[in-house]
Amino acid sequence: MADKTEVNSQITDAVTQVNETVIGSSAALARAMADQVMAQAIGLALQNAVAQQQQLYILRNAVTTAATRAILDASPEEALRFASEVLKTDDIEQTLERLSALAKGTAAEKPKKGK
């Protein structure tokens, strides 16, 4: 207990104990707050990654639709040129080469009009 003062000794003891508790638990509370901030940051990063992936899929679907429309509306050579220009950075060169060979083979097998 504290010495005789103007304030009741029980009050000073209670305040001292609270101060010791706060000082003793401050490191654990700081660590818990840091962990929560880290968890929140990781959660936001994952949400952003998912949103970016969804947007990429939407973009790829639009490119596929545009290429399909070009194939149906134009000659196979124009459609392949369009697809190769749009998808230059993709790992699709082998697929385009196969499609080109298939289109050339199909065009060669097609009977000419009027014959």
C-alpha atoms as a PDB file:
ATOM      1  CA  MET A   1       0.000   0.000   0.000  1.00  0.00           C
ATOM      2  CA  ALA A   2       1.007   3.564  -0.583  1.00  0.00           C
ATOM      3  CA  ASP A   3       2.092   5.890   2.199  1.00  0.00           C
ATOM      4  CA  LYS A   4      -0.387   8.234   3.768  1.00  0.00           C
ATOM      5  CA  THR A   5      -1.338  10.921   1.261  1.00  0.00           C
ATOM      6  CA  GLU A   6      -4.280  13.233   0.661  1.00  0.00           C
ATOM      7  CA  VAL A   7      -5.752  10.538  -1.620  1.00  0.00           C
ATOM      8  CA  ASN A   8      -6.969   7.311  -0.119  1.00  0.00           C
ATOM      9  CA  SER A   9      -4.239   4.657  -0.298  1.00  0.00           C
ATOM     10  CA  GLN A  10      -6.642   2.117  -1.854  1.00  0.00           C
ATOM     11  CA  ILE A  11      -7.256   4.490  -4.768  1.00  0.00           C
ATOM     12  CA  THR A  12      -3.549   4.993  -5.389  1.00  0.00           C
ATOM     13  CA  ASP A  13      -3.006   1.235  -5.234  1.00  0.00           C
ATOM     14  CA  ALA A  14      -5.843   0.654  -7.725  1.00  0.00           C
ATOM     15  CA  VAL A  15      -4.427   3.265 -10.109  1.00  0.00           C
ATOM     16  CA  THR A  16      -0.953   1.747  -9.793  1.00  0.00           C
ATOM     17  CA  GLN A  17      -2.291  -1.735 -10.525  1.00  0.00           C
ATOM     18  CA  VAL A  18      -4.203  -0.492 -13.585  1.00  0.00           C
ATOM     19  CA  ASN A  19      -1.074   1.281 -14.843  1.00  0.00           C
ATOM     20  CA  GLU A  20       0.978  -1.890 -14.418  1.00  0.00           C
ATOM     21  CA  THR A  21      -1.687  -3.938 -16.221  1.00  0.00           C
ATOM     22  CA  VAL A  22      -1.775  -1.485 -19.128  1.00  0.00           C
ATOM     23  CA  ILE A  23       2.014  -1.383 -19.386  1.00  0.00           C
ATOM     24  CA  GLY A  24       2.234  -5.173 -19.164  1.00  0.00           C
ATOM     25  CA  SER A  25      -0.406  -5.816 -21.819  1.00  0.00           C
ATOM     26  CA  SER A  26       0.572  -3.032 -24.242  1.00  0.00           C
ATOM     27  CA  ALA A  27       3.026  -5.217 -26.168  1.00  0.00           C
ATOM     28  CA  ALA A  28       0.421  -7.952 -26.649  1.00  0.00           C
ATOM     29  CA  LEU A  29      -2.232  -5.432 -27.703  1.00  0.00           C
ATOM     30  CA  ALA A  30       0.149  -3.781 -30.150  1.00  0.00           C
ATOM     31  CA  ARG A  31       0.993  -7.173 -31.657  1.00  0.00           C
ATOM     32  CA  ALA A  32      -2.699  -8.061 -31.918  1.00  0.00           C
ATOM     33  CA  MET A  33      -3.444  -4.752 -33.659  1.00  0.00           C
ATOM     34  CA  ALA A  34      -0.540  -5.285 -36.061  1.00  0.00           C
ATOM     35  CA  ASP A  35      -1.813  -8.793 -36.843  1.00  0.00           C
ATOM     36  CA  GLN A  36      -5.305  -7.466 -37.554  1.00  0.00           C
ATOM     37  CA  VAL A  37      -3.944  -4.750 -39.828  1.00  0.00           C
ATOM     38  CA  MET A  38      -1.874  -7.347 -41.699  1.00  0.00           C
ATOM     39  CA  ALA A  39      -4.875  -9.659 -42.058  1.00  0.00           C
ATOM     40  CA  GLN A  40      -6.971  -6.773 -43.406  1.00  0.00           C
ATOM     41  CA  ALA A  41      -4.257  -5.816 -45.909  1.00  0.00           C
ATOM     42  CA  ILE A  42      -3.897  -9.403 -47.114  1.00  0.00           C
ATOM     43  CA  GLY A  43      -7.661  -9.719 -47.455  1.00  0.00           C
ATOM     44  CA  LEU A  44      -7.850  -6.556 -49.567  1.00  0.00           C
ATOM     45  CA  ALA A  45      -4.959  -7.724 -51.723  1.00  0.00           C
ATOM     46  CA  LEU A  46      -6.709 -11.026 -52.384  1.00  0.00           C
ATOM     47  CA  GLN A  47      -9.966  -9.245 -53.207  1.00  0.00           C
ATOM     48  CA  ASN A  48      -8.100  -7.035 -55.678  1.00  0.00           C
ATOM     49  CA  ALA A  49      -6.452 -10.079 -57.262  1.00  0.00           C
ATOM     50  CA  VAL A  50      -9.822 -11.796 -57.690  1.00  0.00           C
ATOM     51  CA  ALA A  51     -11.373  -8.651 -59.181  1.00  0.00           C
ATOM     52  CA  GLN A  52      -8.456  -8.299 -61.603  1.00  0.00           C
ATOM     53  CA  GLN A  53      -8.789 -11.942 -62.626  1.00  0.00           C
ATOM     54  CA  GLN A  54     -12.521 -11.502 -63.239  1.00  0.00           C
ATOM     55  CA  GLN A  55     -11.892  -8.457 -65.407  1.00  0.00           C
ATOM     56  CA  LEU A  56      -9.248 -10.373 -67.349  1.00  0.00           C
ATOM     57  CA  TYR A  57     -11.727 -13.192 -68.027  1.00  0.00           C
ATOM     58  CA  ILE A  58     -14.314 -10.677 -69.214  1.00  0.00           C
ATOM     59  CA  LEU A  59     -11.728  -9.131 -71.544  1.00  0.00           C
ATOM     60  CA  ARG A  60     -10.707 -12.539 -72.913  1.00  0.00           C
ATOM     61  CA  ASN A  61     -14.351 -13.408 -73.542  1.00  0.00           C
ATOM     62  CA  ALA A  62     -14.787 -10.154 -75.464  1.00  0.00           C
ATOM     63  CA  VAL A  63     -11.684 -10.873 -77.545  1.00  0.00           C
ATOM     64  CA  THR A  64     -12.901 -14.406 -78.247  1.00  0.00           C
ATOM     65  CA  THR A  65     -16.303 -13.073 -79.281  1.00  0.00           C
ATOM     66  CA  ALA A  66     -14.723 -10.481 -81.575  1.00  0.00           C
ATOM     67  CA  ALA A  67     -12.455 -13.101 -83.159  1.00  0.00           C
ATOM     68  CA  THR A  68     -15.384 -15.485 -83.639  1.00  0.00           C
ATOM     69  CA  ARG A  69     -17.434 -12.746 -85.254  1.00  0.00           C
ATOM     70  CA  ALA A  70     -14.515 -11.922 -87.554  1.00  0.00           C
ATOM     71  CA  ILE A  71     -14.246 -15.598 -88.505  1.00  0.00           C
ATOM     72  CA  LEU A  72     -17.934 -15.774 -89.337  1.00  0.00           C
ATOM     73  CA  ASP A  73     -18.090 -12.412 -91.148  1.00  0.00           C
ATOM     74  CA  ALA A  74     -14.813 -12.438 -93.062  1.00  0.00           C
ATOM     75  CA  SER A  75     -12.367 -14.724 -94.740  1.00  0.00           C
ATOM     76  CA  PRO A  76     -10.318 -17.094 -92.557  1.00  0.00           C
ATOM     77  CA  GLU A  77      -7.116 -15.177 -93.341  1.00  0.00           C
ATOM     78  CA  GLU A  78      -8.568 -11.914 -92.035  1.00  0.00           C
ATOM     79  CA  ALA A  79      -9.875 -13.615 -88.900  1.00  0.00           C
ATOM     80  CA  LEU A  80      -6.475 -15.176 -88.204  1.00  0.00           C
ATOM     81  CA  ARG A  81      -4.740 -11.849 -88.751  1.00  0.00           C
ATOM     82  CA  PHE A  82      -7.157 -10.174 -86.345  1.00  0.00           C
ATOM     83  CA  ALA A  83      -6.715 -12.879 -83.693  1.00  0.00           C
ATOM     84  CA  SER A  84      -2.926 -12.818 -83.973  1.00  0.00           C
ATOM     85  CA  GLU A  85      -2.859  -9.010 -83.620  1.00  0.00           C
ATOM     86  CA  VAL A  86      -5.122  -9.019 -80.571  1.00  0.00           C
ATOM     87  CA  LEU A  87      -3.473 -11.956 -78.815  1.00  0.00           C
ATOM     88  CA  LYS A  88       0.201 -11.186 -79.482  1.00  0.00           C
ATOM     89  CA  THR A  89       1.217 -11.345 -75.828  1.00  0.00           C
ATOM     90  CA  ASP A  90      -0.706 -14.528 -75.129  1.00  0.00           C
ATOM     91  CA  ASP A  91       0.811 -17.983 -75.324  1.00  0.00           C
ATOM     92  CA  ILE A  92      -1.404 -18.862 -78.277  1.00  0.00           C
ATOM     93  CA  GLU A  93       0.958 -18.748 -81.248  1.00  0.00           C
ATOM     94  CA  GLN A  94       0.917 -22.501 -81.746  1.00  0.00           C
ATOM     95  CA  THR A  95      -2.872 -22.531 -81.683  1.00  0.00           C
ATOM     96  CA  LEU A  96      -2.989 -19.781 -84.296  1.00  0.00           C
ATOM     97  CA  GLU A  97      -0.579 -21.699 -86.521  1.00  0.00           C
ATOM     98  CA  ARG A  98      -2.759 -24.788 -86.254  1.00  0.00           C
ATOM     99  CA  LEU A  99      -5.873 -22.736 -87.012  1.00  0.00           C
ATOM    100  CA  SER A 100      -4.130 -21.195 -90.011  1.00  0.00           C
ATOM    101  CA  ALA A 101      -3.188 -24.598 -91.361  1.00  0.00           C
ATOM    102  CA  LEU A 102      -6.732 -25.843 -90.760  1.00  0.00           C
ATOM    103  CA  ALA A 103      -8.229 -22.804 -92.505  1.00  0.00           C
ATOM    104  CA  LYS A 104      -5.925 -23.241 -95.508  1.00  0.00           C
ATOM    105  CA  GLY A 105      -6.833 -26.913 -95.682  1.00  0.00           C
ATOM    106  CA  THR A 106     -10.550 -26.118 -95.483  1.00  0.00           C
ATOM    107  CA  ALA A 107     -10.261 -23.427 -98.159  1.00  0.00           C
ATOM    108  CA  ALA A 108      -8.419 -25.850-100.446  1.00  0.00           C
ATOM    109  CA  GLU A 109     -11.110 -28.511-100.027  1.00  0.00           C
ATOM    110  CA  LYS A 110     -14.014 -26.121-100.656  1.00  0.00           C
ATOM    111  CA  PRO A 111     -15.442 -26.422-104.168  1.00  0.00           C
ATOM    112  CA  LYS A 112     -15.326 -23.182-106.130  1.00  0.00           C
ATOM    113  CA  LYS A 113     -18.623 -21.484-106.940  1.00  0.00           C
ATOM    114  CA  GLY A 114     -19.897 -22.056-110.433  1.00  0.00           C
ATOM    115  CA  LYS A 115     -17.870 -25.257-111.034  1.00  0.00           C
END
